[in-house]
C-alpha atoms as a PDB file:
ATOM      1  CA  MET A   1      -1.068  13.153   2.313  1.00  0.00           C
ATOM      2  CA  ASP A   2       0.245  11.140   5.271  1.00  0.00           C
ATOM      3  CA  ARG A   3      -1.077   7.534   6.120  1.00  0.00           C
ATOM      4  CA  ARG A   4      -3.821   8.243   8.336  1.00  0.00           C
ATOM      5  CA  GLN A   5      -5.603  10.885   6.279  1.00  0.00           C
ATOM      6  CA  PHE A   6      -5.084   8.344   3.679  1.00  0.00           C
ATOM      7  CA  LEU A   7      -7.083   5.710   5.348  1.00  0.00           C
ATOM      8  CA  GLN A   8      -9.190   7.710   6.466  1.00  0.00           C
ATOM      9  CA  ASN A   9     -10.313   9.166   2.313  1.00  0.00           C
ATOM     10  CA  PHE A  10     -10.073   5.547   1.950  1.00  0.00           C
ATOM     11  CA  ALA A  11     -12.571   4.038   5.173  1.00  0.00           C
ATOM     12  CA  ALA A  12     -14.977   6.801   4.075  1.00  0.00           C
ATOM     13  CA  THR A  13     -14.681   6.319   0.835  1.00  0.00           C
ATOM     14  CA  THR A  14     -15.768   2.280   1.009  1.00  0.00           C
ATOM     15  CA  ALA A  15     -18.081   3.120   3.556  1.00  0.00           C
ATOM     16  CA  GLY A  16     -19.970   5.627   1.277  1.00  0.00           C
ATOM     17  CA  VAL A  17     -20.146   3.164  -1.266  1.00  0.00           C
ATOM     18  CA  GLU A  18     -22.457   0.779   0.514  1.00  0.00           C
ATOM     19  CA  TYR A  19     -24.708   3.173   2.073  1.00  0.00           C
ATOM     20  CA  LEU A  20     -25.186   4.810  -1.468  1.00  0.00           C
ATOM     21  CA  SER A  21     -25.415   1.396  -3.325  1.00  0.00           C
ATOM     22  CA  ALA A  22     -27.935   0.349  -0.099  1.00  0.00           C
ATOM     23  CA  SER A  23     -30.091   3.478  -0.529  1.00  0.00           C
ATOM     24  CA  ALA A  24     -30.058   3.600  -4.373  1.00  0.00           C
ATOM     25  CA  GLY A  25     -32.277   0.218  -4.309  1.00  0.00           C
ATOM     26  CA  ALA A  26     -29.166  -1.544  -5.174  1.00  0.00           C
ATOM     27  CA  GLU A  27     -29.024  -4.965  -3.504  1.00  0.00           C
ATOM     28  CA  PRO A  28     -26.613  -5.085  -0.259  1.00  0.00           C
ATOM     29  CA  ALA A  29     -23.391  -6.439  -0.505  1.00  0.00           C
ATOM     30  CA  PRO A  30     -24.111  -9.777   1.676  1.00  0.00           C
ATOM     31  CA  ALA A  31     -22.591  -8.830   5.903  1.00  0.00           C
ATOM     32  CA  PRO A  32     -19.707 -11.294   6.269  1.00  0.00           C
ATOM     33  CA  PRO A  33     -19.686 -13.190   9.704  1.00  0.00           C
ATOM     34  CA  PRO A  34     -19.950 -10.665  12.974  1.00  0.00           C
ATOM     35  CA  GLU A  35     -17.119 -12.607  14.752  1.00  0.00           C
ATOM     36  CA  THR A  36     -14.534 -10.717  12.650  1.00  0.00           C
ATOM     37  CA  ASP A  37     -10.552 -11.659  14.629  1.00  0.00           C
ATOM     38  CA  ILE A  38      -9.467  -7.684  15.203  1.00  0.00           C
ATOM     39  CA  GLU A  39      -6.836  -9.815  17.900  1.00  0.00           C
ATOM     40  CA  GLY A  40      -3.416  -8.019  17.707  1.00  0.00           C
ATOM     41  CA  HIS A  41      -4.597  -5.389  14.730  1.00  0.00           C
ATOM     42  CA  THR A  42      -4.148  -1.615  15.287  1.00  0.00           C
ATOM     43  CA  LEU A  43      -6.769   1.009  15.337  1.00  0.00           C
ATOM     44  CA  VAL A  44      -6.081   3.239  13.081  1.00  0.00           C
ATOM     45  CA  CYS A  45      -8.831   5.244  12.423  1.00  0.00           C
ATOM     46  CA  GLU A  46     -12.782   6.001  13.399  1.00  0.00           C
ATOM     47  CA  PHE A  47     -15.044   7.933  11.207  1.00  0.00           C
ATOM     48  CA  LYS A  48     -19.221   8.112  11.214  1.00  0.00           C
ATOM     49  CA  ILE A  49     -21.444   7.946   8.382  1.00  0.00           C
ATOM     50  CA  ASP A  50     -24.899   8.631   9.515  1.00  0.00           C
ATOM     51  CA  SER A  51     -25.931   6.960  12.948  1.00  0.00           C
ATOM     52  CA  THR A  52     -23.458   4.320  11.940  1.00  0.00           C
ATOM     53  CA  ALA A  53     -19.480   4.909  13.400  1.00  0.00           C
ATOM     54  CA  TRP A  54     -16.838   2.800  12.107  1.00  0.00           C
ATOM     55  CA  LYS A  55     -13.328   1.438  13.160  1.00  0.00           C
ATOM     56  CA  VAL A  56     -10.606   0.452  10.750  1.00  0.00           C
ATOM     57  CA  TYR A  57      -7.757  -1.428  12.089  1.00  0.00           C
ATOM     58  CA  GLU A  58      -4.791  -3.024  10.211  1.00  0.00           C
ATOM     59  CA  ASP A  59      -2.983  -5.693  11.314  1.00  0.00           C
ATOM     60  CA  LEU A  60       1.441  -3.998  11.041  1.00  0.00           C
ATOM     61  CA  ARG A  61       2.513  -7.384  12.673  1.00  0.00           C
ATOM     62  CA  THR A  62       3.170  -8.376   8.873  1.00  0.00           C
ATOM     63  CA  ARG A  63       4.007  -6.077   5.699  1.00  0.00           C
ATOM     64  CA  GLU A  64       0.339  -7.913   3.789  1.00  0.00           C
ATOM     65  CA  GLY A  65      -1.568  -7.276   7.021  1.00  0.00           C
ATOM     66  CA  PRO A  66      -5.224  -7.246   6.019  1.00  0.00           C
ATOM     67  CA  ILE A  67      -7.291  -3.880   6.901  1.00  0.00           C
ATOM     68  CA  THR A  68     -10.581  -4.724   8.371  1.00  0.00           C
ATOM     69  CA  PHE A  69     -12.806  -1.903   8.782  1.00  0.00           C
ATOM     70  CA  VAL A  70     -15.889  -2.532  11.721  1.00  0.00           C
ATOM     71  CA  SER A  71     -19.708  -1.388  11.313  1.00  0.00           C
ATOM     72  CA  SER A  72     -20.811  -0.092  14.923  1.00  0.00           C
ATOM     73  CA  ARG A  73     -23.725  -2.239  14.036  1.00  0.00           C
ATOM     74  CA  GLY A  74     -21.678  -5.374  13.878  1.00  0.00           C
ATOM     75  CA  GLY A  75     -20.800  -5.118  10.250  1.00  0.00           C
ATOM     76  CA  SER A  76     -17.322  -5.433   8.796  1.00  0.00           C
ATOM     77  CA  ARG A  77     -15.025  -5.714   5.893  1.00  0.00           C
ATOM     78  CA  VAL A  78     -11.482  -7.238   5.937  1.00  0.00           C
ATOM     79  CA  LEU A  79      -9.441  -6.201   3.028  1.00  0.00           C
ATOM     80  CA  ALA A  80      -6.620  -7.882   1.988  1.00  0.00           C
ATOM     81  CA  LYS A  81      -3.531  -6.131   1.180  1.00  0.00           C
ATOM     82  CA  SER A  82      -0.223  -6.949  -0.854  1.00  0.00           C
ATOM     83  CA  ALA A  83       3.393  -5.088  -0.932  1.00  0.00           C
ATOM     84  CA  GLU A  84       6.619  -5.206  -2.621  1.00  0.00           C
ATOM     85  CA  ALA A  85       9.817  -3.952  -1.198  1.00  0.00           C
ATOM     86  CA  THR A  86      10.370  -0.199  -1.672  1.00  0.00           C
ATOM     87  CA  PHE A  87      14.093  -0.386  -0.148  1.00  0.00           C
ATOM     88  CA  ALA A  88      17.379  -1.384  -1.669  1.00  0.00           C
ATOM     89  CA  GLU A  89      18.492  -4.668  -2.824  1.00  0.00           C
ATOM     90  CA  ALA A  90      21.520  -6.389  -0.734  1.00  0.00           C
ATOM     91  CA  ALA A  91      23.446  -5.956  -4.086  1.00  0.00           C
ATOM     92  CA  PRO A  92      25.743  -2.742  -4.379  1.00  0.00           C
ATOM     93  CA  PRO A  93      23.425  -0.574  -5.682  1.00  0.00           C
ATOM     94  CA  TYR A  94      23.839   1.893  -8.828  1.00  0.00           C
ATOM     95  CA  LEU A  95      25.568  -1.200 -10.243  1.00  0.00           C
ATOM     96  CA  GLY A  96      28.635  -0.134  -7.660  1.00  0.00           C
ATOM     97  CA  LEU A  97      28.815   2.945  -8.917  1.00  0.00           C
ATOM     98  CA  LYS A  98      29.917   6.296  -6.682  1.00  0.00           C
ATOM     99  CA  ILE A  99      26.425   7.905  -6.882  1.00  0.00           C
ATOM    100  CA  GLU A 100      29.053  11.108  -6.984  1.00  0.00           C
ATOM    101  CA  ASP A 101      30.274   9.842 -10.186  1.00  0.00           C
ATOM    102  CA  ILE A 102      27.550   9.174 -11.871  1.00  0.00           C
ATOM    103  CA  GLY A 103      26.310  12.881 -11.436  1.00  0.00           C
ATOM    104  CA  THR A 104      29.815  14.840 -12.374  1.00  0.00           C
ATOM    105  CA  ALA A 105      31.108  12.149 -15.296  1.00  0.00           C
ATOM    106  CA  GLY A 106      30.069  13.255 -19.057  1.00  0.00           C
ATOM    107  CA  ALA A 107      28.942   9.844 -19.688  1.00  0.00           C
ATOM    108  CA  ASP A 108      26.165   8.096 -18.728  1.00  0.00           C
ATOM    109  CA  LEU A 109      28.343   5.330 -16.359  1.00  0.00           C
ATOM    110  CA  LEU A 110      24.717   3.919 -15.705  1.00  0.00           C
ATOM    111  CA  ALA A 111      23.532   3.567 -19.368  1.00  0.00           C
ATOM    112  CA  ASP A 112      26.725   1.718 -20.772  1.00  0.00           C
ATOM    113  CA  ARG A 113      27.757  -0.672 -18.042  1.00  0.00           C
ATOM    114  CA  LEU A 114      23.772  -1.824 -18.514  1.00  0.00           C
ATOM    115  CA  LEU A 115      24.162  -1.285 -22.268  1.00  0.00           C
ATOM    116  CA  GLN A 116      27.884  -3.292 -23.159  1.00  0.00           C
ATOM    117  CA  ASN A 117      26.657  -6.498 -23.600  1.00  0.00           C
ATOM    118  CA  GLY A 118      22.903  -5.026 -25.903  1.00  0.00           C
ATOM    119  CA  ASP A 119      19.484  -5.484 -24.014  1.00  0.00           C
ATOM    120  CA  PRO A 120      19.846  -4.939 -20.400  1.00  0.00           C
ATOM    121  CA  ASP A 121      18.866  -7.645 -18.204  1.00  0.00           C
ATOM    122  CA  PRO A 122      15.528  -6.049 -16.573  1.00  0.00           C
ATOM    123  CA  GLU A 123      17.234  -7.077 -12.621  1.00  0.00           C
ATOM    124  CA  LEU A 124      20.465  -4.956 -13.648  1.00  0.00           C
ATOM    125  CA  VAL A 125      17.906  -2.817 -14.643  1.00  0.00           C
ATOM    126  CA  LYS A 126      16.458  -2.382 -11.204  1.00  0.00           C
ATOM    127  CA  SER A 127      19.150  -2.446  -9.150  1.00  0.00           C
ATOM    128  CA  ALA A 128      20.709   0.863 -10.816  1.00  0.00           C
ATOM    129  CA  ALA A 129      17.906   3.226  -9.966  1.00  0.00           C
ATOM    130  CA  PRO A 130      17.472   4.190  -6.690  1.00  0.00           C
ATOM    131  CA  PRO A 131      14.688   2.584  -4.337  1.00  0.00           C
ATOM    132  CA  GLN A 132      11.261   4.330  -4.846  1.00  0.00           C
ATOM    133  CA  GLY A 133      10.500   7.510  -1.961  1.00  0.00           C
ATOM    134  CA  SER A 134      14.088   7.739  -1.361  1.00  0.00           C
END
């Protein structure tokens, strides 16, 4: 699933929950101020639920930029996000070993290196694993 499709599904689900809770007799969430700052944000997608059109903006200037949902009726929702790095650290990957040597060696070179002093250091284990999505 690509990022755009994920955000469209996420936006539709969020708006749908608000719509369904209001129509079921539950108290709707208080509306945030109508002056939502989306300057510098990128329009990610648009969708419609009944007669209400929604636009979804994301601040792509920073990794932790918010995602903002803006309704054609003047309401908005701002969702904060946090992110972890998914790229290799500055230290050499795989504890300085060559990936070819790790794959072709009979012994588990990474385990031997990690366990040479007893329990492994969590930071060393983290640097031994390939980055997510690689």
